[in-house]
């Protein structure tokens, strides 16, 4: 059985901090999840919630 590796890169016009803020918020999961999955956020998180980057 052969093993394949698919590698891709995407340049986005924002800073690392802006990207981190977006992807670290559970409120944005619905925005990046395919619509056919019907993902719904049920937590009480607020947009102001910040997560610490380690």
N, C-alpha and C. Protein backbone atom coordinates (compact mmCIF):
# COMPACT_ATOMS: atom_id res chain seq x y z
N UNK A 1 0.84 -1.17 0.00
CA UNK A 1 0.00 0.00 0.00
C UNK A 1 0.89 1.24 0.00
N UNK A 2 0.63 2.15 -0.92
CA UNK A 2 1.41 3.38 -1.00
C UNK A 2 0.87 4.41 -0.01
N UNK A 3 1.77 5.24 0.48
CA UNK A 3 1.39 6.34 1.35
C UNK A 3 1.60 7.64 0.59
N UNK A 4 0.62 8.52 0.64
CA UNK A 4 0.71 9.79 -0.06
C UNK A 4 0.67 10.92 0.96
N UNK A 5 1.31 12.00 0.62
CA UNK A 5 1.30 13.20 1.46
C UNK A 5 0.80 14.36 0.61
N UNK A 6 -0.23 15.01 1.07
CA UNK A 6 -0.76 16.19 0.39
C UNK A 6 -0.44 17.39 1.28
N UNK A 7 0.26 18.35 0.71
CA UNK A 7 0.65 19.52 1.47
C UNK A 7 0.15 20.75 0.74
N UNK A 8 -0.39 21.70 1.48
CA UNK A 8 -0.87 22.93 0.86
C UNK A 8 -0.59 24.11 1.78
N UNK A 9 -0.52 25.28 1.21
CA UNK A 9 -0.32 26.50 1.97
C UNK A 9 -1.33 27.53 1.49
N UNK A 10 -1.69 28.42 2.37
CA UNK A 10 -2.61 29.50 2.02
C UNK A 10 -2.12 30.77 2.67
N UNK A 11 -1.88 31.78 1.87
CA UNK A 11 -1.47 33.08 2.41
C UNK A 11 -2.72 33.92 2.63
N UNK A 12 -2.88 34.42 3.84
CA UNK A 12 -4.03 35.26 4.14
C UNK A 12 -3.54 36.65 4.55
N UNK A 13 -4.29 37.68 4.18
CA UNK A 13 -3.81 39.05 4.40
C UNK A 13 -4.09 39.58 5.81
N UNK A 14 -3.80 38.77 6.82
CA UNK A 14 -3.98 39.21 8.21
C UNK A 14 -2.78 38.76 9.02
N UNK A 15 -2.64 39.35 10.19
CA UNK A 15 -1.51 39.00 11.06
C UNK A 15 -1.76 37.67 11.75
N UNK A 16 -0.70 37.11 12.31
CA UNK A 16 -0.81 35.86 13.07
C UNK A 16 -1.75 36.06 14.26
N UNK A 17 -1.66 37.22 14.93
CA UNK A 17 -2.55 37.49 16.07
C UNK A 17 -4.01 37.52 15.67
N UNK A 18 -4.32 38.12 14.52
CA UNK A 18 -5.71 38.16 14.04
C UNK A 18 -6.21 36.76 13.71
N UNK A 19 -5.36 35.97 13.07
CA UNK A 19 -5.74 34.59 12.74
C UNK A 19 -5.96 33.78 14.01
N UNK A 20 -5.06 33.95 14.98
CA UNK A 20 -5.19 33.24 16.25
C UNK A 20 -6.51 33.60 16.94
N UNK A 21 -6.84 34.90 16.98
CA UNK A 21 -8.09 35.33 17.61
C UNK A 21 -9.30 34.68 16.96
N UNK A 22 -9.28 34.58 15.63
CA UNK A 22 -10.41 33.98 14.93
C UNK A 22 -10.52 32.48 15.22
N UNK A 23 -9.43 31.74 15.05
CA UNK A 23 -9.48 30.29 15.19
C UNK A 23 -9.56 29.82 16.64
N UNK A 24 -9.21 30.66 17.61
CA UNK A 24 -9.28 30.25 19.00
C UNK A 24 -10.65 30.48 19.62
N UNK A 25 -11.54 31.13 18.91
CA UNK A 25 -12.88 31.36 19.44
C UNK A 25 -13.84 30.26 19.01
N UNK A 26 -14.48 29.59 19.97
CA UNK A 26 -15.45 28.55 19.60
C UNK A 26 -16.63 29.12 18.83
N UNK A 27 -16.88 30.41 18.94
CA UNK A 27 -17.99 31.02 18.21
C UNK A 27 -17.76 30.99 16.70
N UNK A 28 -16.52 30.87 16.27
CA UNK A 28 -16.22 30.85 14.84
C UNK A 28 -16.27 29.45 14.24
N UNK A 29 -16.45 28.43 15.07
CA UNK A 29 -16.52 27.07 14.54
C UNK A 29 -17.64 26.91 13.52
N UNK A 30 -18.78 27.52 13.77
CA UNK A 30 -19.90 27.42 12.83
C UNK A 30 -19.55 28.08 11.50
N UNK A 31 -18.70 29.10 11.52
CA UNK A 31 -18.32 29.80 10.29
C UNK A 31 -17.40 28.96 9.41
N UNK A 32 -16.60 28.10 10.02
CA UNK A 32 -15.62 27.32 9.24
C UNK A 32 -16.03 25.86 9.04
N UNK A 33 -17.17 25.48 9.59
CA UNK A 33 -17.67 24.11 9.45
C UNK A 33 -18.60 24.05 8.24
N UNK A 34 -18.47 23.03 7.39
CA UNK A 34 -19.35 22.91 6.23
C UNK A 34 -20.83 22.95 6.63
N UNK A 35 -21.63 23.68 5.85
CA UNK A 35 -23.06 23.88 6.16
C UNK A 35 -23.83 22.57 6.28
N UNK A 36 -23.45 21.55 5.48
CA UNK A 36 -24.20 20.28 5.50
C UNK A 36 -24.05 19.53 6.83
N UNK A 37 -23.13 19.93 7.67
CA UNK A 37 -22.96 19.30 8.98
C UNK A 37 -23.96 19.88 9.99
N UNK A 38 -24.51 21.06 9.71
CA UNK A 38 -25.49 21.72 10.59
C UNK A 38 -24.94 21.92 12.00
N UNK A 39 -23.73 22.39 12.09
CA UNK A 39 -23.05 22.63 13.36
C UNK A 39 -23.66 23.85 14.06
N UNK A 40 -23.92 23.72 15.35
CA UNK A 40 -24.48 24.82 16.13
C UNK A 40 -23.68 24.98 17.41
N UNK A 41 -23.30 26.22 17.74
CA UNK A 41 -22.59 26.50 18.99
C UNK A 41 -23.63 26.62 20.09
N UNK A 42 -23.43 25.86 21.17
CA UNK A 42 -24.40 25.89 22.27
C UNK A 42 -23.82 26.44 23.57
N UNK A 43 -22.55 26.86 23.54
CA UNK A 43 -21.92 27.37 24.76
C UNK A 43 -22.32 28.82 25.01
N UNK A 44 -22.01 29.29 26.20
CA UNK A 44 -22.30 30.66 26.58
C UNK A 44 -21.12 31.58 26.34
N UNK A 45 -20.21 31.21 25.45
CA UNK A 45 -19.04 32.03 25.16
C UNK A 45 -19.48 33.36 24.57
N UNK A 46 -18.70 34.38 24.80
CA UNK A 46 -18.97 35.69 24.21
C UNK A 46 -17.86 36.01 23.22
N UNK A 47 -18.10 36.91 22.27
CA UNK A 47 -17.05 37.27 21.32
C UNK A 47 -15.82 37.86 22.00
N UNK A 48 -15.95 38.38 23.21
CA UNK A 48 -14.83 38.98 23.92
C UNK A 48 -13.92 37.94 24.58
N UNK A 49 -14.35 36.69 24.62
CA UNK A 49 -13.55 35.64 25.25
C UNK A 49 -12.23 35.48 24.51
N UNK A 50 -11.15 35.51 25.25
CA UNK A 50 -9.82 35.36 24.65
C UNK A 50 -9.15 34.11 25.22
N UNK A 51 -8.40 33.43 24.39
CA UNK A 51 -7.66 32.26 24.82
C UNK A 51 -6.18 32.58 24.76
N UNK A 52 -5.43 32.01 25.63
CA UNK A 52 -4.00 32.29 25.70
C UNK A 52 -3.25 31.38 24.75
N UNK A 53 -2.41 31.97 23.91
CA UNK A 53 -1.58 31.19 23.01
C UNK A 53 -0.38 30.69 23.77
N UNK A 54 -0.10 29.39 23.72
CA UNK A 54 1.03 28.81 24.42
C UNK A 54 2.17 28.55 23.48
